Amino acid sequence: FTAVQGKFDPAMIKATRTLPLQKAW
C-alpha cells in the first residue's frame, strides 16, 4: 500500500487520512 500511496496526488493523500488505502482494499 505504501508503494501505491507514493503515486497519489495531494488530494488522494488527504483522502487516505479518512480511510486508509489498506482498509479500502
mmCIF file of all heavy atoms, coordinates in Angstrom:
data_MODEL
# 
_entry.id   MODEL 
# 
loop_
_atom_site.group_PDB 
_atom_site.id 
_atom_site.type_symbol 
_atom_site.label_atom_id 
_atom_site.label_alt_id 
_atom_site.label_comp_id 
_atom_site.label_asym_id 
_atom_site.label_entity_id 
_atom_site.label_seq_id 
_atom_site.pdbx_PDB_ins_code 
_atom_site.Cartn_x 
_atom_site.Cartn_y 
_atom_site.Cartn_z 
_atom_site.occupancy 
_atom_site.B_iso_or_equiv 
_atom_site.pdbx_formal_charge 
_atom_site.auth_seq_id 
_atom_site.auth_comp_id 
_atom_site.auth_asym_id 
_atom_site.auth_atom_id 
_atom_site.pdbx_PDB_model_num 
ATOM 1   N N   . PHE A 1 1  ? 0.811   -1.209 0.000  1.00 0.00 ? 1  PHE A N   1 
ATOM 2   C CA  . PHE A 1 1  ? 0.000   0.000  0.000  1.00 0.00 ? 1  PHE A CA  1 
ATOM 3   C C   . PHE A 1 1  ? 0.852   1.270  0.000  1.00 0.00 ? 1  PHE A C   1 
ATOM 4   O O   . PHE A 1 1  ? 0.465   2.275  -0.597 1.00 0.00 ? 1  PHE A O   1 
ATOM 5   C CB  . PHE A 1 1  ? -0.970  -0.020 1.179  1.00 0.00 ? 1  PHE A CB  1 
ATOM 6   C CG  . PHE A 1 1  ? -1.855  -1.234 1.153  1.00 0.00 ? 1  PHE A CG  1 
ATOM 7   C CD1 . PHE A 1 1  ? -1.692  -2.255 2.076  1.00 0.00 ? 1  PHE A CD1 1 
ATOM 8   C CD2 . PHE A 1 1  ? -2.823  -1.390 0.170  1.00 0.00 ? 1  PHE A CD2 1 
ATOM 9   C CE1 . PHE A 1 1  ? -2.487  -3.383 2.035  1.00 0.00 ? 1  PHE A CE1 1 
ATOM 10  C CE2 . PHE A 1 1  ? -3.618  -2.514 0.112  1.00 0.00 ? 1  PHE A CE2 1 
ATOM 11  C CZ  . PHE A 1 1  ? -3.450  -3.521 1.054  1.00 0.00 ? 1  PHE A CZ  1 
ATOM 12  N N   . THR A 1 2  ? 2.012   1.228  0.620  1.00 0.00 ? 2  THR A N   1 
ATOM 13  C CA  . THR A 1 2  ? 2.903   2.388  0.631  1.00 0.00 ? 2  THR A CA  1 
ATOM 14  C C   . THR A 1 2  ? 3.359   2.725  -0.784 1.00 0.00 ? 2  THR A C   1 
ATOM 15  O O   . THR A 1 2  ? 3.435   3.901  -1.154 1.00 0.00 ? 2  THR A O   1 
ATOM 16  C CB  . THR A 1 2  ? 4.112   2.134  1.554  1.00 0.00 ? 2  THR A CB  1 
ATOM 17  O OG1 . THR A 1 2  ? 3.624   1.822  2.864  1.00 0.00 ? 2  THR A OG1 1 
ATOM 18  C CG2 . THR A 1 2  ? 5.006   3.344  1.641  1.00 0.00 ? 2  THR A CG2 1 
ATOM 19  N N   . ALA A 1 3  ? 3.639   1.710  -1.582 1.00 0.00 ? 3  ALA A N   1 
ATOM 20  C CA  . ALA A 1 3  ? 4.056   1.943  -2.970 1.00 0.00 ? 3  ALA A CA  1 
ATOM 21  C C   . ALA A 1 3  ? 2.945   2.616  -3.762 1.00 0.00 ? 3  ALA A C   1 
ATOM 22  O O   . ALA A 1 3  ? 3.203   3.536  -4.542 1.00 0.00 ? 3  ALA A O   1 
ATOM 23  C CB  . ALA A 1 3  ? 4.458   0.625  -3.631 1.00 0.00 ? 3  ALA A CB  1 
ATOM 24  N N   . VAL A 1 4  ? 1.711   2.191  -3.559 1.00 0.00 ? 4  VAL A N   1 
ATOM 25  C CA  . VAL A 1 4  ? 0.576   2.788  -4.274 1.00 0.00 ? 4  VAL A CA  1 
ATOM 26  C C   . VAL A 1 4  ? 0.377   4.226  -3.800 1.00 0.00 ? 4  VAL A C   1 
ATOM 27  O O   . VAL A 1 4  ? 0.246   5.146  -4.608 1.00 0.00 ? 4  VAL A O   1 
ATOM 28  C CB  . VAL A 1 4  ? -0.709  1.964  -4.075 1.00 0.00 ? 4  VAL A CB  1 
ATOM 29  C CG1 . VAL A 1 4  ? -1.907  2.652  -4.720 1.00 0.00 ? 4  VAL A CG1 1 
ATOM 30  C CG2 . VAL A 1 4  ? -0.545  0.551  -4.633 1.00 0.00 ? 4  VAL A CG2 1 
ATOM 31  N N   . GLN A 1 5  ? 0.377   4.425  -2.504 1.00 0.00 ? 5  GLN A N   1 
ATOM 32  C CA  . GLN A 1 5  ? 0.159   5.770  -1.964 1.00 0.00 ? 5  GLN A CA  1 
ATOM 33  C C   . GLN A 1 5  ? 1.254   6.739  -2.395 1.00 0.00 ? 5  GLN A C   1 
ATOM 34  O O   . GLN A 1 5  ? 1.005   7.936  -2.518 1.00 0.00 ? 5  GLN A O   1 
ATOM 35  C CB  . GLN A 1 5  ? 0.068   5.733  -0.443 1.00 0.00 ? 5  GLN A CB  1 
ATOM 36  C CG  . GLN A 1 5  ? -1.242  5.123  0.021  1.00 0.00 ? 5  GLN A CG  1 
ATOM 37  C CD  . GLN A 1 5  ? -1.299  4.955  1.518  1.00 0.00 ? 5  GLN A CD  1 
ATOM 38  O OE1 . GLN A 1 5  ? -0.475  4.257  2.107  1.00 0.00 ? 5  GLN A OE1 1 
ATOM 39  N NE2 . GLN A 1 5  ? -2.273  5.591  2.130  1.00 0.00 ? 5  GLN A NE2 1 
ATOM 40  N N   . GLY A 1 6  ? 2.435   6.252  -2.660 1.00 0.00 ? 6  GLY A N   1 
ATOM 41  C CA  . GLY A 1 6  ? 3.525   7.100  -3.130 1.00 0.00 ? 6  GLY A CA  1 
ATOM 42  C C   . GLY A 1 6  ? 3.251   7.709  -4.493 1.00 0.00 ? 6  GLY A C   1 
ATOM 43  O O   . GLY A 1 6  ? 3.920   8.658  -4.900 1.00 0.00 ? 6  GLY A O   1 
ATOM 44  N N   . LYS A 1 7  ? 2.247   7.183  -5.194 1.00 0.00 ? 7  LYS A N   1 
ATOM 45  C CA  . LYS A 1 7  ? 1.881   7.691  -6.516 1.00 0.00 ? 7  LYS A CA  1 
ATOM 46  C C   . LYS A 1 7  ? 0.666   8.618  -6.465 1.00 0.00 ? 7  LYS A C   1 
ATOM 47  O O   . LYS A 1 7  ? 0.233   9.144  -7.490 1.00 0.00 ? 7  LYS A O   1 
ATOM 48  C CB  . LYS A 1 7  ? 1.604   6.522  -7.456 1.00 0.00 ? 7  LYS A CB  1 
ATOM 49  C CG  . LYS A 1 7  ? 2.808   5.622  -7.652 1.00 0.00 ? 7  LYS A CG  1 
ATOM 50  C CD  . LYS A 1 7  ? 2.460   4.357  -8.395 1.00 0.00 ? 7  LYS A CD  1 
ATOM 51  C CE  . LYS A 1 7  ? 3.703   3.483  -8.458 1.00 0.00 ? 7  LYS A CE  1 
ATOM 52  N NZ  . LYS A 1 7  ? 3.420   2.098  -8.609 1.00 0.00 ? 7  LYS A NZ  1 
ATOM 53  N N   . PHE A 1 8  ? 0.095   8.821  -5.276 1.00 0.00 ? 8  PHE A N   1 
ATOM 54  C CA  . PHE A 1 8  ? -1.103  9.650  -5.121 1.00 0.00 ? 8  PHE A CA  1 
ATOM 55  C C   . PHE A 1 8  ? -0.788  11.128 -5.253 1.00 0.00 ? 8  PHE A C   1 
ATOM 56  O O   . PHE A 1 8  ? 0.278   11.583 -4.829 1.00 0.00 ? 8  PHE A O   1 
ATOM 57  C CB  . PHE A 1 8  ? -1.737  9.422  -3.751 1.00 0.00 ? 8  PHE A CB  1 
ATOM 58  C CG  . PHE A 1 8  ? -2.513  8.136  -3.608 1.00 0.00 ? 8  PHE A CG  1 
ATOM 59  C CD1 . PHE A 1 8  ? -3.098  7.822  -2.402 1.00 0.00 ? 8  PHE A CD1 1 
ATOM 60  C CD2 . PHE A 1 8  ? -2.660  7.242  -4.656 1.00 0.00 ? 8  PHE A CD2 1 
ATOM 61  C CE1 . PHE A 1 8  ? -3.821  6.656  -2.237 1.00 0.00 ? 8  PHE A CE1 1 
ATOM 62  C CE2 . PHE A 1 8  ? -3.378  6.067  -4.503 1.00 0.00 ? 8  PHE A CE2 1 
ATOM 63  C CZ  . PHE A 1 8  ? -3.970  5.777  -3.292 1.00 0.00 ? 8  PHE A CZ  1 
ATOM 64  N N   . ASP A 1 9  ? -1.758  11.875 -5.780 1.00 0.00 ? 9  ASP A N   1 
ATOM 65  C CA  . ASP A 1 9  ? -1.647  13.334 -5.780 1.00 0.00 ? 9  ASP A CA  1 
ATOM 66  C C   . ASP A 1 9  ? -2.040  13.832 -4.380 1.00 0.00 ? 9  ASP A C   1 
ATOM 67  O O   . ASP A 1 9  ? -2.510  13.044 -3.544 1.00 0.00 ? 9  ASP A O   1 
ATOM 68  C CB  . ASP A 1 9  ? -2.471  13.961 -6.907 1.00 0.00 ? 9  ASP A CB  1 
ATOM 69  C CG  . ASP A 1 9  ? -3.981  13.874 -6.737 1.00 0.00 ? 9  ASP A CG  1 
ATOM 70  O OD1 . ASP A 1 9  ? -4.487  13.471 -5.662 1.00 0.00 ? 9  ASP A OD1 1 
ATOM 71  O OD2 . ASP A 1 9  ? -4.686  14.230 -7.687 1.00 0.00 ? 9  ASP A OD2 1 
ATOM 72  N N   . PRO A 1 10 ? -1.825  15.108 -4.066 1.00 0.00 ? 10 PRO A N   1 
ATOM 73  C CA  . PRO A 1 10 ? -2.106  15.611 -2.715 1.00 0.00 ? 10 PRO A CA  1 
ATOM 74  C C   . PRO A 1 10 ? -3.543  15.377 -2.241 1.00 0.00 ? 10 PRO A C   1 
ATOM 75  O O   . PRO A 1 10 ? -3.763  15.058 -1.067 1.00 0.00 ? 10 PRO A O   1 
ATOM 76  C CB  . PRO A 1 10 ? -1.789  17.105 -2.823 1.00 0.00 ? 10 PRO A CB  1 
ATOM 77  C CG  . PRO A 1 10 ? -0.753  17.189 -3.892 1.00 0.00 ? 10 PRO A CG  1 
ATOM 78  C CD  . PRO A 1 10 ? -1.156  16.124 -4.894 1.00 0.00 ? 10 PRO A CD  1 
ATOM 79  N N   . ALA A 1 11 ? -4.519  15.502 -3.125 1.00 0.00 ? 11 ALA A N   1 
ATOM 80  C CA  . ALA A 1 11 ? -5.910  15.280 -2.720 1.00 0.00 ? 11 ALA A CA  1 
ATOM 81  C C   . ALA A 1 11 ? -6.157  13.823 -2.333 1.00 0.00 ? 11 ALA A C   1 
ATOM 82  O O   . ALA A 1 11 ? -6.893  13.540 -1.377 1.00 0.00 ? 11 ALA A O   1 
ATOM 83  C CB  . ALA A 1 11 ? -6.856  15.710 -3.833 1.00 0.00 ? 11 ALA A CB  1 
ATOM 84  N N   . MET A 1 12 ? -5.550  12.893 -3.049 1.00 0.00 ? 12 MET A N   1 
ATOM 85  C CA  . MET A 1 12 ? -5.704  11.480 -2.701 1.00 0.00 ? 12 MET A CA  1 
ATOM 86  C C   . MET A 1 12 ? -4.990  11.156 -1.393 1.00 0.00 ? 12 MET A C   1 
ATOM 87  O O   . MET A 1 12 ? -5.485  10.360 -0.591 1.00 0.00 ? 12 MET A O   1 
ATOM 88  C CB  . MET A 1 12 ? -5.173  10.585 -3.833 1.00 0.00 ? 12 MET A CB  1 
ATOM 89  C CG  . MET A 1 12 ? -6.123  10.465 -5.006 1.00 0.00 ? 12 MET A CG  1 
ATOM 90  S SD  . MET A 1 12 ? -7.672  9.616  -4.609 1.00 0.00 ? 12 MET A SD  1 
ATOM 91  C CE  . MET A 1 12 ? -7.083  7.939  -4.405 1.00 0.00 ? 12 MET A CE  1 
ATOM 92  N N   . ILE A 1 13 ? -3.851  11.761 -1.180 1.00 0.00 ? 13 ILE A N   1 
ATOM 93  C CA  . ILE A 1 13 ? -3.148  11.561 0.096  1.00 0.00 ? 13 ILE A CA  1 
ATOM 94  C C   . ILE A 1 13 ? -4.037  12.022 1.242  1.00 0.00 ? 13 ILE A C   1 
ATOM 95  O O   . ILE A 1 13 ? -4.175  11.330 2.256  1.00 0.00 ? 13 ILE A O   1 
ATOM 96  C CB  . ILE A 1 13 ? -1.786  12.294 0.095  1.00 0.00 ? 13 ILE A CB  1 
ATOM 97  C CG1 . ILE A 1 13 ? -0.832  11.620 -0.892 1.00 0.00 ? 13 ILE A CG1 1 
ATOM 98  C CG2 . ILE A 1 13 ? -1.184  12.327 1.502  1.00 0.00 ? 13 ILE A CG2 1 
ATOM 99  C CD1 . ILE A 1 13 ? 0.426   12.412 -1.183 1.00 0.00 ? 13 ILE A CD1 1 
ATOM 100 N N   . LYS A 1 14 ? -4.667  13.160 1.065  1.00 0.00 ? 14 LYS A N   1 
ATOM 101 C CA  . LYS A 1 14 ? -5.571  13.683 2.093  1.00 0.00 ? 14 LYS A CA  1 
ATOM 102 C C   . LYS A 1 14 ? -6.753  12.736 2.307  1.00 0.00 ? 14 LYS A C   1 
ATOM 103 O O   . LYS A 1 14 ? -7.172  12.492 3.436  1.00 0.00 ? 14 LYS A O   1 
ATOM 104 C CB  . LYS A 1 14 ? -6.051  15.073 1.693  1.00 0.00 ? 14 LYS A CB  1 
ATOM 105 C CG  . LYS A 1 14 ? -6.902  15.735 2.732  1.00 0.00 ? 14 LYS A CG  1 
ATOM 106 C CD  . LYS A 1 14 ? -7.287  17.144 2.304  1.00 0.00 ? 14 LYS A CD  1 
ATOM 107 C CE  . LYS A 1 14 ? -8.185  17.780 3.354  1.00 0.00 ? 14 LYS A CE  1 
ATOM 108 N NZ  . LYS A 1 14 ? -8.620  19.118 2.954  1.00 0.00 ? 14 LYS A NZ  1 
ATOM 109 N N   . ALA A 1 15 ? -7.303  12.182 1.225  1.00 0.00 ? 15 ALA A N   1 
ATOM 110 C CA  . ALA A 1 15 ? -8.443  11.266 1.318  1.00 0.00 ? 15 ALA A CA  1 
ATOM 111 C C   . ALA A 1 15 ? -8.099  10.012 2.114  1.00 0.00 ? 15 ALA A C   1 
ATOM 112 O O   . ALA A 1 15 ? -8.947  9.471  2.815  1.00 0.00 ? 15 ALA A O   1 
ATOM 113 C CB  . ALA A 1 15 ? -8.937  10.888 -0.075 1.00 0.00 ? 15 ALA A CB  1 
ATOM 114 N N   . THR A 1 16 ? -6.843  9.558  2.024  1.00 0.00 ? 16 THR A N   1 
ATOM 115 C CA  . THR A 1 16 ? -6.465  8.339  2.755  1.00 0.00 ? 16 THR A CA  1 
ATOM 116 C C   . THR A 1 16 ? -6.352  8.580  4.250  1.00 0.00 ? 16 THR A C   1 
ATOM 117 O O   . THR A 1 16 ? -6.261  7.624  5.011  1.00 0.00 ? 16 THR A O   1 
ATOM 118 C CB  . THR A 1 16 ? -5.156  7.729  2.225  1.00 0.00 ? 16 THR A CB  1 
ATOM 119 O OG1 . THR A 1 16 ? -4.103  8.669  2.357  1.00 0.00 ? 16 THR A OG1 1 
ATOM 120 C CG2 . THR A 1 16 ? -5.306  7.283  0.792  1.00 0.00 ? 16 THR A CG2 1 
ATOM 121 N N   . ARG A 1 17 ? -6.372  9.830  4.672  1.00 0.00 ? 17 ARG A N   1 
ATOM 122 C CA  . ARG A 1 17 ? -6.425  10.108 6.118  1.00 0.00 ? 17 ARG A CA  1 
ATOM 123 C C   . ARG A 1 17 ? -7.787  9.731  6.677  1.00 0.00 ? 17 ARG A C   1 
ATOM 124 O O   . ARG A 1 17 ? -7.905  9.342  7.823  1.00 0.00 ? 17 ARG A O   1 
ATOM 125 C CB  . ARG A 1 17 ? -6.113  11.576 6.393  1.00 0.00 ? 17 ARG A CB  1 
ATOM 126 C CG  . ARG A 1 17 ? -4.686  11.930 6.087  1.00 0.00 ? 17 ARG A CG  1 
ATOM 127 C CD  . ARG A 1 17 ? -4.381  13.373 6.456  1.00 0.00 ? 17 ARG A CD  1 
ATOM 128 N NE  . ARG A 1 17 ? -3.114  13.751 5.852  1.00 0.00 ? 17 ARG A NE  1 
ATOM 129 C CZ  . ARG A 1 17 ? -2.911  14.869 5.189  1.00 0.00 ? 17 ARG A CZ  1 
ATOM 130 N NH1 . ARG A 1 17 ? -3.874  15.758 5.057  1.00 0.00 ? 17 ARG A NH1 1 
ATOM 131 N NH2 . ARG A 1 17 ? -1.739  15.123 4.658  1.00 0.00 ? 17 ARG A NH2 1 
ATOM 132 N N   . THR A 1 18 ? -8.832  9.849  5.841  1.00 0.00 ? 18 THR A N   1 
ATOM 133 C CA  . THR A 1 18 ? -10.181 9.484  6.245  1.00 0.00 ? 18 THR A CA  1 
ATOM 134 C C   . THR A 1 18 ? -10.346 7.972  6.267  1.00 0.00 ? 18 THR A C   1 
ATOM 135 O O   . THR A 1 18 ? -10.888 7.408  7.201  1.00 0.00 ? 18 THR A O   1 
ATOM 136 C CB  . THR A 1 18 ? -11.210 10.105 5.271  1.00 0.00 ? 18 THR A CB  1 
ATOM 137 O OG1 . THR A 1 18 ? -10.998 11.508 5.218  1.00 0.00 ? 18 THR A OG1 1 
ATOM 138 C CG2 . THR A 1 18 ? -12.619 9.797  5.710  1.00 0.00 ? 18 THR A CG2 1 
ATOM 139 N N   . LEU A 1 19 ? -9.905  7.326  5.219  1.00 0.00 ? 19 LEU A N   1 
ATOM 140 C CA  . LEU A 1 19 ? -9.957  5.868  5.133  1.00 0.00 ? 19 LEU A CA  1 
ATOM 141 C C   . LEU A 1 19 ? -8.666  5.388  4.499  1.00 0.00 ? 19 LEU A C   1 
ATOM 142 O O   . LEU A 1 19 ? -8.439  5.582  3.308  1.00 0.00 ? 19 LEU A O   1 
ATOM 143 C CB  . LEU A 1 19 ? -11.152 5.406  4.277  1.00 0.00 ? 19 LEU A CB  1 
ATOM 144 C CG  . LEU A 1 19 ? -11.310 3.892  4.114  1.00 0.00 ? 19 LEU A CG  1 
ATOM 145 C CD1 . LEU A 1 19 ? -11.577 3.206  5.445  1.00 0.00 ? 19 LEU A CD1 1 
ATOM 146 C CD2 . LEU A 1 19 ? -12.430 3.595  3.147  1.00 0.00 ? 19 LEU A CD2 1 
ATOM 147 N N   . PRO A 1 20 ? -7.801  4.782  5.306  1.00 0.00 ? 20 PRO A N   1 
ATOM 148 C CA  . PRO A 1 20 ? -6.523  4.300  4.758  1.00 0.00 ? 20 PRO A CA  1 
ATOM 149 C C   . PRO A 1 20 ? -6.741  3.321  3.600  1.00 0.00 ? 20 PRO A C   1 
ATOM 150 O O   . PRO A 1 20 ? -7.717  2.576  3.558  1.00 0.00 ? 20 PRO A O   1 
ATOM 151 C CB  . PRO A 1 20 ? -5.876  3.602  5.956  1.00 0.00 ? 20 PRO A CB  1 
ATOM 152 C CG  . PRO A 1 20 ? -6.516  4.231  7.155  1.00 0.00 ? 20 PRO A CG  1 
ATOM 153 C CD  . PRO A 1 20 ? -7.920  4.543  6.732  1.00 0.00 ? 20 PRO A CD  1 
ATOM 154 N N   . LEU A 1 21 ? -5.808  3.346  2.673  1.00 0.00 ? 21 LEU A N   1 
ATOM 155 C CA  . LEU A 1 21 ? -5.901  2.516  1.479  1.00 0.00 ? 21 LEU A CA  1 
ATOM 156 C C   . LEU A 1 21 ? -6.065  1.038  1.824  1.00 0.00 ? 21 LEU A C   1 
ATOM 157 O O   . LEU A 1 21 ? -6.847  0.332  1.200  1.00 0.00 ? 21 LEU A O   1 
ATOM 158 C CB  . LEU A 1 21 ? -4.673  2.734  0.590  1.00 0.00 ? 21 LEU A CB  1 
ATOM 159 C CG  . LEU A 1 21 ? -4.652  1.980  -0.727 1.00 0.00 ? 21 LEU A CG  1 
ATOM 160 C CD1 . LEU A 1 21 ? -5.871  2.313  -1.583 1.00 0.00 ? 21 LEU A CD1 1 
ATOM 161 C CD2 . LEU A 1 21 ? -3.371  2.285  -1.476 1.00 0.00 ? 21 LEU A CD2 1 
ATOM 162 N N   . GLN A 1 22 ? -5.343  0.563  2.818  1.00 0.00 ? 22 GLN A N   1 
ATOM 163 C CA  . GLN A 1 22 ? -5.448  -0.847 3.201  1.00 0.00 ? 22 GLN A CA  1 
ATOM 164 C C   . GLN A 1 22 ? -6.883  -1.188 3.593  1.00 0.00 ? 22 GLN A C   1 
ATOM 165 O O   . GLN A 1 22 ? -7.414  -2.225 3.199  1.00 0.00 ? 22 GLN A O   1 
ATOM 166 C CB  . GLN A 1 22 ? -4.488  -1.167 4.345  1.00 0.00 ? 22 GLN A CB  1 
ATOM 167 C CG  . GLN A 1 22 ? -4.543  -2.621 4.760  1.00 0.00 ? 22 GLN A CG  1 
ATOM 168 C CD  . GLN A 1 22 ? -3.510  -2.965 5.831  1.00 0.00 ? 22 GLN A CD  1 
ATOM 169 O OE1 . GLN A 1 22 ? -2.729  -2.116 6.259  1.00 0.00 ? 22 GLN A OE1 1 
ATOM 170 N NE2 . GLN A 1 22 ? -3.508  -4.202 6.256  1.00 0.00 ? 22 GLN A NE2 1 
ATOM 171 N N   . LYS A 1 23 ? -7.544  -0.316 4.353  1.00 0.00 ? 23 LYS A N   1 
ATOM 172 C CA  . LYS A 1 23 ? -8.934  -0.571 4.752  1.00 0.00 ? 23 LYS A CA  1 
ATOM 173 C C   . LYS A 1 23 ? -9.863  -0.515 3.544  1.00 0.00 ? 23 LYS A C   1 
ATOM 174 O O   . LYS A 1 23 ? -10.810 -1.287 3.449  1.00 0.00 ? 23 LYS A O   1 
ATOM 175 C CB  . LYS A 1 23 ? -9.378  0.431  5.813  1.00 0.00 ? 23 LYS A CB  1 
ATOM 176 C CG  . LYS A 1 23 ? -8.809  0.142  7.172  1.00 0.00 ? 23 LYS A CG  1 
ATOM 177 C CD  . LYS A 1 23 ? -9.427  1.037  8.215  1.00 0.00 ? 23 LYS A CD  1 
ATOM 178 C CE  . LYS A 1 23 ? -8.871  0.688  9.580  1.00 0.00 ? 23 LYS A CE  1 
ATOM 179 N NZ  . LYS A 1 23 ? -9.564  1.420  10.639 1.00 0.00 ? 23 LYS A NZ  1 
ATOM 180 N N   . ALA A 1 24 ? -9.605  0.397  2.621  1.00 0.00 ? 24 ALA A N   1 
ATOM 181 C CA  . ALA A 1 24 ? -10.426 0.495  1.415  1.00 0.00 ? 24 ALA A CA  1 
ATOM 182 C C   . ALA A 1 24 ? -10.301 -0.779 0.572  1.00 0.00 ? 24 ALA A C   1 
ATOM 183 O O   . ALA A 1 24 ? -11.301 -1.303 0.075  1.00 0.00 ? 24 ALA A O   1 
ATOM 184 C CB  . ALA A 1 24 ? -10.027 1.721  0.596  1.00 0.00 ? 24 ALA A CB  1 
ATOM 185 N N   . TRP A 1 25 ? -9.083  -1.284 0.412  1.00 0.00 ? 25 TRP A N   1 
ATOM 186 C CA  . TRP A 1 25 ? -8.864  -2.512 -0.354 1.00 0.00 ? 25 TRP A CA  1 
ATOM 187 C C   . TRP A 1 25 ? -9.529  -3.699 0.351  1.00 0.00 ? 25 TRP A C   1 
ATOM 188 O O   . TRP A 1 25 ? -10.143 -4.555 -0.297 1.00 0.00 ? 25 TRP A O   1 
ATOM 189 C CB  . TRP A 1 25 ? -7.378  -2.748 -0.566 1.00 0.00 ? 25 TRP A CB  1 
ATOM 190 C CG  . TRP A 1 25 ? -7.058  -3.988 -1.356 1.00 0.00 ? 25 TRP A CG  1 
ATOM 191 C CD1 . TRP A 1 25 ? -6.423  -5.110 -0.909 1.00 0.00 ? 25 TRP A CD1 1 
ATOM 192 C CD2 . TRP A 1 25 ? -7.353  -4.243 -2.739 1.00 0.00 ? 25 TRP A CD2 1 
ATOM 193 N NE1 . TRP A 1 25 ? -6.306  -6.038 -1.922 1.00 0.00 ? 25 TRP A NE1 1 
ATOM 194 C CE2 . TRP A 1 25 ? -6.869  -5.524 -3.061 1.00 0.00 ? 25 TRP A CE2 1 
ATOM 195 C CE3 . TRP A 1 25 ? -7.978  -3.508 -3.740 1.00 0.00 ? 25 TRP A CE3 1 
ATOM 196 C CZ2 . TRP A 1 25 ? -6.999  -6.084 -4.324 1.00 0.00 ? 25 TRP A CZ2 1 
ATOM 197 C CZ3 . TRP A 1 25 ? -8.102  -4.070 -5.008 1.00 0.00 ? 25 TRP A CZ3 1 
ATOM 198 C CH2 . TRP A 1 25 ? -7.618  -5.348 -5.278 1.00 0.00 ? 25 TRP A CH2 1 
# 
